[in-house]
PDB file of all heavy atoms in Angstrom:
ATOM      1  N   ALA A   1       0.829  -1.199  -0.031  1.00  0.00           N
ATOM      2  CA  ALA A   1       0.023  -0.043  -0.049  1.00  0.00           C
ATOM      3  C   ALA A   1       0.853   1.167   0.025  1.00  0.00           C
ATOM      4  O   ALA A   1       1.941   1.310   0.776  1.00  0.00           O
ATOM      5  CB  ALA A   1      -0.954   0.014   1.186  1.00  0.00           C
ATOM      6  N   VAL A   2       0.529   2.206  -0.825  1.00  0.00           N
ATOM      7  CA  VAL A   2       1.291   3.416  -1.020  1.00  0.00           C
ATOM      8  C   VAL A   2       0.656   4.559  -0.260  1.00  0.00           C
ATOM      9  O   VAL A   2      -0.586   4.799  -0.385  1.00  0.00           O
ATOM     10  CB  VAL A   2       1.498   3.796  -2.476  1.00  0.00           C
ATOM     11  CG1 VAL A   2       2.252   5.086  -2.616  1.00  0.00           C
ATOM     12  CG2 VAL A   2       2.179   2.641  -3.233  1.00  0.00           C
ATOM     13  N   LYS A   3       1.419   5.335   0.535  1.00  0.00           N
ATOM     14  CA  LYS A   3       0.915   6.479   1.276  1.00  0.00           C
ATOM     15  C   LYS A   3       1.068   7.671   0.302  1.00  0.00           C
ATOM     16  O   LYS A   3       2.163   8.085  -0.087  1.00  0.00           O
ATOM     17  CB  LYS A   3       1.798   6.751   2.505  1.00  0.00           C
ATOM     18  CG  LYS A   3       1.434   5.833   3.633  1.00  0.00           C
ATOM     19  CD  LYS A   3       2.196   6.258   4.896  1.00  0.00           C
ATOM     20  CE  LYS A   3       1.676   5.461   6.103  1.00  0.00           C
ATOM     21  NZ  LYS A   3       2.308   5.923   7.446  1.00  0.00           N
ATOM     22  N   LEU A   4      -0.072   8.281   0.069  1.00  0.00           N
ATOM     23  CA  LEU A   4      -0.143   9.477  -0.799  1.00  0.00           C
ATOM     24  C   LEU A   4      -0.457  10.699   0.095  1.00  0.00           C
ATOM     25  O   LEU A   4      -0.380  11.804  -0.441  1.00  0.00           O
ATOM     26  CB  LEU A   4      -1.147   9.321  -1.876  1.00  0.00           C
ATOM     27  CG  LEU A   4      -0.953   8.135  -2.826  1.00  0.00           C
ATOM     28  CD1 LEU A   4      -2.174   8.071  -3.804  1.00  0.00           C
ATOM     29  CD2 LEU A   4       0.288   8.290  -3.638  1.00  0.00           C
ATOM     30  N   GLY A   5      -0.901  10.478   1.331  1.00  0.00           N
ATOM     31  CA  GLY A   5      -1.293  11.574   2.088  1.00  0.00           C
ATOM     32  C   GLY A   5      -2.770  11.817   2.052  1.00  0.00           C
ATOM     33  O   GLY A   5      -3.410  11.541   0.966  1.00  0.00           O
ATOM     34  N   PRO A   6      -3.427  12.142   3.134  1.00  0.00           N
ATOM     35  CA  PRO A   6      -4.790  12.399   3.140  1.00  0.00           C
ATOM     36  C   PRO A   6      -5.200  13.471   2.109  1.00  0.00           C
ATOM     37  O   PRO A   6      -4.616  14.507   1.959  1.00  0.00           O
ATOM     38  CB  PRO A   6      -5.191  12.824   4.598  1.00  0.00           C
ATOM     39  CG  PRO A   6      -3.982  12.429   5.382  1.00  0.00           C
ATOM     40  CD  PRO A   6      -2.863  12.481   4.422  1.00  0.00           C
ATOM     41  N   TRP A   7      -6.413  13.350   1.420  1.00  0.00           N
ATOM     42  CA  TRP A   7      -6.898  14.435   0.581  1.00  0.00           C
ATOM     43  C   TRP A   7      -7.360  15.526   1.449  1.00  0.00           C
ATOM     44  O   TRP A   7      -8.122  15.378   2.316  1.00  0.00           O
ATOM     45  CB  TRP A   7      -8.115  13.790  -0.238  1.00  0.00           C
ATOM     46  CG  TRP A   7      -8.465  14.695  -1.349  1.00  0.00           C
ATOM     47  CD1 TRP A   7      -9.129  15.870  -1.260  1.00  0.00           C
ATOM     48  CD2 TRP A   7      -8.200  14.494  -2.770  1.00  0.00           C
ATOM     49  NE1 TRP A   7      -9.310  16.384  -2.594  1.00  0.00           N
ATOM     50  CE2 TRP A   7      -8.774  15.595  -3.561  1.00  0.00           C
ATOM     51  CE3 TRP A   7      -7.565  13.390  -3.466  1.00  0.00           C
ATOM     52  CZ2 TRP A   7      -8.707  15.626  -4.909  1.00  0.00           C
ATOM     53  CZ3 TRP A   7      -7.557  13.509  -4.799  1.00  0.00           C
ATOM     54  CH2 TRP A   7      -8.119  14.579  -5.534  1.00  0.00           C
ATOM     55  N   PRO A   8      -6.923  16.720   1.131  1.00  0.00           N
ATOM     56  CA  PRO A   8      -7.197  17.887   2.145  1.00  0.00           C
ATOM     57  C   PRO A   8      -8.652  18.394   2.003  1.00  0.00           C
ATOM     58  O   PRO A   8      -9.450  18.169   0.969  1.00  0.00           O
ATOM     59  CB  PRO A   8      -6.236  18.952   1.577  1.00  0.00           C
ATOM     60  CG  PRO A   8      -5.973  18.649   0.140  1.00  0.00           C
ATOM     61  CD  PRO A   8      -5.955  17.148   0.052  1.00  0.00           C
ATOM     62  N   TYR A   9      -9.116  18.994   3.026  1.00  0.00           N
ATOM     63  CA  TYR A   9     -10.466  19.525   3.134  1.00  0.00           C
ATOM     64  C   TYR A   9     -10.330  21.028   2.722  1.00  0.00           C
ATOM     65  O   TYR A   9      -9.524  21.737   3.315  1.00  0.00           O
ATOM     66  CB  TYR A   9     -10.998  19.495   4.591  1.00  0.00           C
ATOM     67  CG  TYR A   9     -12.256  20.265   4.812  1.00  0.00           C
ATOM     68  CD1 TYR A   9     -13.487  20.039   4.025  1.00  0.00           C
ATOM     69  CD2 TYR A   9     -12.294  21.197   5.885  1.00  0.00           C
ATOM     70  CE1 TYR A   9     -14.601  20.750   4.309  1.00  0.00           C
ATOM     71  CE2 TYR A   9     -13.533  21.904   6.034  1.00  0.00           C
ATOM     72  CZ  TYR A   9     -14.551  21.729   5.253  1.00  0.00           C
ATOM     73  OH  TYR A   9     -15.742  22.389   5.479  1.00  0.00           O
ATOM     74  N   ASN A  10     -10.928  21.411   1.607  1.00  0.00           N
ATOM     75  CA  ASN A  10     -10.848  22.741   1.053  1.00  0.00           C
ATOM     76  C   ASN A  10     -12.093  23.099   0.363  1.00  0.00           C
ATOM     77  O   ASN A  10     -12.295  23.051  -0.900  1.00  0.00           O
ATOM     78  CB  ASN A  10      -9.532  22.837   0.100  1.00  0.00           C
ATOM     79  CG  ASN A  10      -9.265  24.213  -0.238  1.00  0.00           C
ATOM     80  OD1 ASN A  10     -10.091  25.112  -0.309  1.00  0.00           O
ATOM     81  ND2 ASN A  10      -7.942  24.527  -0.587  1.00  0.00           N
ATOM     82  N   PRO A  11     -13.148  23.477   1.014  1.00  0.00           N
ATOM     83  CA  PRO A  11     -14.435  23.836   0.357  1.00  0.00           C
ATOM     84  C   PRO A  11     -14.285  24.963  -0.675  1.00  0.00           C
ATOM     85  O   PRO A  11     -14.998  24.983  -1.696  1.00  0.00           O
ATOM     86  CB  PRO A  11     -15.274  24.271   1.528  1.00  0.00           C
ATOM     87  CG  PRO A  11     -14.403  24.548   2.723  1.00  0.00           C
ATOM     88  CD  PRO A  11     -13.237  23.713   2.462  1.00  0.00           C
ATOM     89  N   LYS A  12     -13.392  25.887  -0.421  1.00  0.00           N
ATOM     90  CA  LYS A  12     -13.172  26.974  -1.430  1.00  0.00           C
ATOM     91  C   LYS A  12     -12.682  26.366  -2.748  1.00  0.00           C
ATOM     92  O   LYS A  12     -13.141  26.692  -3.845  1.00  0.00           O
ATOM     93  CB  LYS A  12     -12.133  27.965  -0.895  1.00  0.00           C
ATOM     94  CG  LYS A  12     -11.878  29.043  -1.844  1.00  0.00           C
ATOM     95  CD  LYS A  12     -10.818  30.078  -1.355  1.00  0.00           C
ATOM     96  CE  LYS A  12     -10.604  31.164  -2.365  1.00  0.00           C
ATOM     97  NZ  LYS A  12      -9.493  32.114  -1.771  1.00  0.00           N
ATOM     98  N   LYS A  13     -11.740  25.511  -2.660  1.00  0.00           N
ATOM     99  CA  LYS A  13     -11.178  24.793  -3.892  1.00  0.00           C
ATOM    100  C   LYS A  13     -12.374  24.019  -4.531  1.00  0.00           C
ATOM    101  O   LYS A  13     -12.465  23.954  -5.738  1.00  0.00           O
ATOM    102  CB  LYS A  13     -10.123  23.889  -3.559  1.00  0.00           C
ATOM    103  CG  LYS A  13      -9.487  23.056  -4.698  1.00  0.00           C
ATOM    104  CD  LYS A  13      -8.734  24.028  -5.615  1.00  0.00           C
ATOM    105  CE  LYS A  13      -7.981  23.163  -6.669  1.00  0.00           C
ATOM    106  NZ  LYS A  13      -7.244  24.072  -7.733  1.00  0.00           N
ATOM    107  N   ALA A  14     -13.190  23.374  -3.704  1.00  0.00           N
ATOM    108  CA  ALA A  14     -14.271  22.596  -4.287  1.00  0.00           C
ATOM    109  C   ALA A  14     -15.192  23.425  -5.089  1.00  0.00           C
ATOM    110  O   ALA A  14     -15.673  23.118  -6.224  1.00  0.00           O
ATOM    111  CB  ALA A  14     -15.099  21.892  -3.086  1.00  0.00           C
ATOM    112  N   LYS A  15     -15.491  24.628  -4.625  1.00  0.00           N
ATOM    113  CA  LYS A  15     -16.461  25.587  -5.383  1.00  0.00           C
ATOM    114  C   LYS A  15     -15.831  26.047  -6.698  1.00  0.00           C
ATOM    115  O   LYS A  15     -16.503  26.076  -7.643  1.00  0.00           O
ATOM    116  CB  LYS A  15     -16.777  26.766  -4.403  1.00  0.00           C
ATOM    117  CG  LYS A  15     -17.674  26.523  -3.197  1.00  0.00           C
ATOM    118  CD  LYS A  15     -18.003  27.722  -2.461  1.00  0.00           C
ATOM    119  CE  LYS A  15     -18.867  27.501  -1.244  1.00  0.00           C
ATOM    120  NZ  LYS A  15     -19.137  28.640  -0.454  1.00  0.00           N
ATOM    121  N   GLU A  16     -14.390  26.301  -6.620  1.00  0.00           N
ATOM    122  CA  GLU A  16     -13.716  26.731  -7.773  1.00  0.00           C
ATOM    123  C   GLU A  16     -13.832  25.518  -8.899  1.00  0.00           C
ATOM    124  O   GLU A  16     -14.041  25.847 -10.051  1.00  0.00           O
ATOM    125  CB  GLU A  16     -12.320  27.063  -7.481  1.00  0.00           C
ATOM    126  CG  GLU A  16     -12.163  28.268  -6.629  1.00  0.00           C
ATOM    127  CD  GLU A  16     -10.751  28.502  -6.167  1.00  0.00           C
ATOM    128  OE1 GLU A  16      -9.896  27.595  -6.552  1.00  0.00           O
ATOM    129  OE2 GLU A  16     -10.429  29.411  -5.516  1.00  0.00           O
ATOM    130  N   LEU A  17     -13.660  24.342  -8.468  1.00  0.00           N
ATOM    131  CA  LEU A  17     -13.667  23.283  -9.423  1.00  0.00           C
ATOM    132  C   LEU A  17     -15.089  23.014  -9.961  1.00  0.00           C
ATOM    133  O   LEU A  17     -15.268  22.685 -11.115  1.00  0.00           O
ATOM    134  CB  LEU A  17     -13.084  22.027  -8.702  1.00  0.00           C
ATOM    135  CG  LEU A  17     -11.673  21.948  -8.492  1.00  0.00           C
ATOM    136  CD1 LEU A  17     -11.245  20.680  -7.567  1.00  0.00           C
ATOM    137  CD2 LEU A  17     -10.869  21.742  -9.808  1.00  0.00           C
ATOM    138  N   LEU A  18     -16.066  23.183  -9.114  1.00  0.00           N
ATOM    139  CA  LEU A  18     -17.436  23.076  -9.626  1.00  0.00           C
ATOM    140  C   LEU A  18     -17.806  24.099 -10.647  1.00  0.00           C
ATOM    141  O   LEU A  18     -18.502  23.866 -11.665  1.00  0.00           O
ATOM    142  CB  LEU A  18     -18.431  23.086  -8.512  1.00  0.00           C
ATOM    143  CG  LEU A  18     -18.486  21.937  -7.537  1.00  0.00           C
ATOM    144  CD1 LEU A  18     -19.391  22.170  -6.344  1.00  0.00           C
ATOM    145  CD2 LEU A  18     -18.960  20.687  -8.216  1.00  0.00           C
ATOM    146  N   ALA A  19     -17.307  25.365 -10.437  1.00  0.00           N
ATOM    147  CA  ALA A  19     -17.599  26.415 -11.320  1.00  0.00           C
ATOM    148  C   ALA A  19     -16.808  26.124 -12.709  1.00  0.00           C
ATOM    149  O   ALA A  19     -17.392  26.399 -13.756  1.00  0.00           O
ATOM    150  CB  ALA A  19     -16.976  27.707 -10.747  1.00  0.00           C
ATOM    151  N   GLU A  20     -15.552  25.738 -12.636  1.00  0.00           N
ATOM    152  CA  GLU A  20     -14.838  25.272 -13.826  1.00  0.00           C
ATOM    153  C   GLU A  20     -15.505  24.188 -14.644  1.00  0.00           C
ATOM    154  O   GLU A  20     -15.526  24.284 -15.846  1.00  0.00           O
ATOM    155  CB  GLU A  20     -13.436  24.848 -13.436  1.00  0.00           C
ATOM    156  CG  GLU A  20     -12.458  25.938 -12.974  1.00  0.00           C
ATOM    157  CD  GLU A  20     -11.114  25.391 -12.482  1.00  0.00           C
ATOM    158  OE1 GLU A  20     -10.802  24.245 -12.953  1.00  0.00           O
ATOM    159  OE2 GLU A  20     -10.353  26.037 -11.853  1.00  0.00           O
ATOM    160  N   ALA A  21     -16.193  23.389 -13.919  1.00  0.00           N
ATOM    161  CA  ALA A  21     -16.959  22.190 -14.651  1.00  0.00           C
ATOM    162  C   ALA A  21     -18.193  22.546 -15.169  1.00  0.00           C
ATOM    163  O   ALA A  21     -18.947  21.851 -15.734  1.00  0.00           O
ATOM    164  CB  ALA A  21     -16.984  21.040 -13.605  1.00  0.00           C
ATOM    165  N   GLY A  22     -18.558  23.936 -14.858  1.00  0.00           N
ATOM    166  CA  GLY A  22     -19.884  24.394 -15.344  1.00  0.00           C
ATOM    167  C   GLY A  22     -21.052  24.301 -14.350  1.00  0.00           C
ATOM    168  O   GLY A  22     -22.207  24.276 -14.775  1.00  0.00           O
ATOM    169  N   TYR A  23     -20.767  24.062 -13.132  1.00  0.00           N
ATOM    170  CA  TYR A  23     -21.757  23.995 -12.091  1.00  0.00           C
ATOM    171  C   TYR A  23     -21.388  25.130 -10.963  1.00  0.00           C
ATOM    172  O   TYR A  23     -21.211  24.693  -9.761  1.00  0.00           O
ATOM    173  CB  TYR A  23     -21.740  22.613 -11.442  1.00  0.00           C
ATOM    174  CG  TYR A  23     -22.044  21.578 -12.432  1.00  0.00           C
ATOM    175  CD1 TYR A  23     -20.869  20.816 -12.971  1.00  0.00           C
ATOM    176  CD2 TYR A  23     -23.251  21.197 -12.951  1.00  0.00           C
ATOM    177  CE1 TYR A  23     -21.087  19.888 -13.951  1.00  0.00           C
ATOM    178  CE2 TYR A  23     -23.544  20.199 -13.722  1.00  0.00           C
ATOM    179  CZ  TYR A  23     -22.383  19.483 -14.366  1.00  0.00           C
ATOM    180  OH  TYR A  23     -22.573  18.522 -15.347  1.00  0.00           O
ATOM    181  N   PRO A  24     -21.490  26.406 -11.272  1.00  0.00           N
ATOM    182  CA  PRO A  24     -21.150  27.391 -10.339  1.00  0.00           C
ATOM    183  C   PRO A  24     -22.185  27.450  -9.115  1.00  0.00           C
ATOM    184  O   PRO A  24     -21.794  27.952  -8.043  1.00  0.00           O
ATOM    185  CB  PRO A  24     -21.143  28.621 -11.123  1.00  0.00           C
ATOM    186  CG  PRO A  24     -22.115  28.352 -12.312  1.00  0.00           C
ATOM    187  CD  PRO A  24     -21.827  26.945 -12.593  1.00  0.00           C
ATOM    188  N   ASN A  25     -23.391  26.952  -9.410  1.00  0.00           N
ATOM    189  CA  ASN A  25     -24.483  26.991  -8.355  1.00  0.00           C
ATOM    190  C   ASN A  25     -24.685  25.636  -7.875  1.00  0.00           C
ATOM    191  O   ASN A  25     -25.627  25.237  -7.271  1.00  0.00           O
ATOM    192  CB  ASN A  25     -25.690  27.485  -8.939  1.00  0.00           C
ATOM    193  CG  ASN A  25     -25.607  28.981  -9.432  1.00  0.00           C
ATOM    194  OD1 ASN A  25     -24.999  29.712  -8.620  1.00  0.00           O
ATOM    195  ND2 ASN A  25     -26.144  29.327 -10.573  1.00  0.00           N
ATOM    196  N   GLY A  26     -23.696  24.649  -8.145  1.00  0.00           N
ATOM    197  CA  GLY A  26     -23.923  23.293  -7.685  1.00  0.00           C
ATOM    198  C   GLY A  26     -24.873  22.477  -8.489  1.00  0.00           C
ATOM    199  O   GLY A  26     -25.202  22.891  -9.667  1.00  0.00           O
TER     200      GLY A  26
END
């Protein structure tokens, strides 16, 4: 098993990615 590190919690980044994907309002 390879350690990659926990995926960080970042709601701001989540909103940015959703907007980039075409879902600015979720």
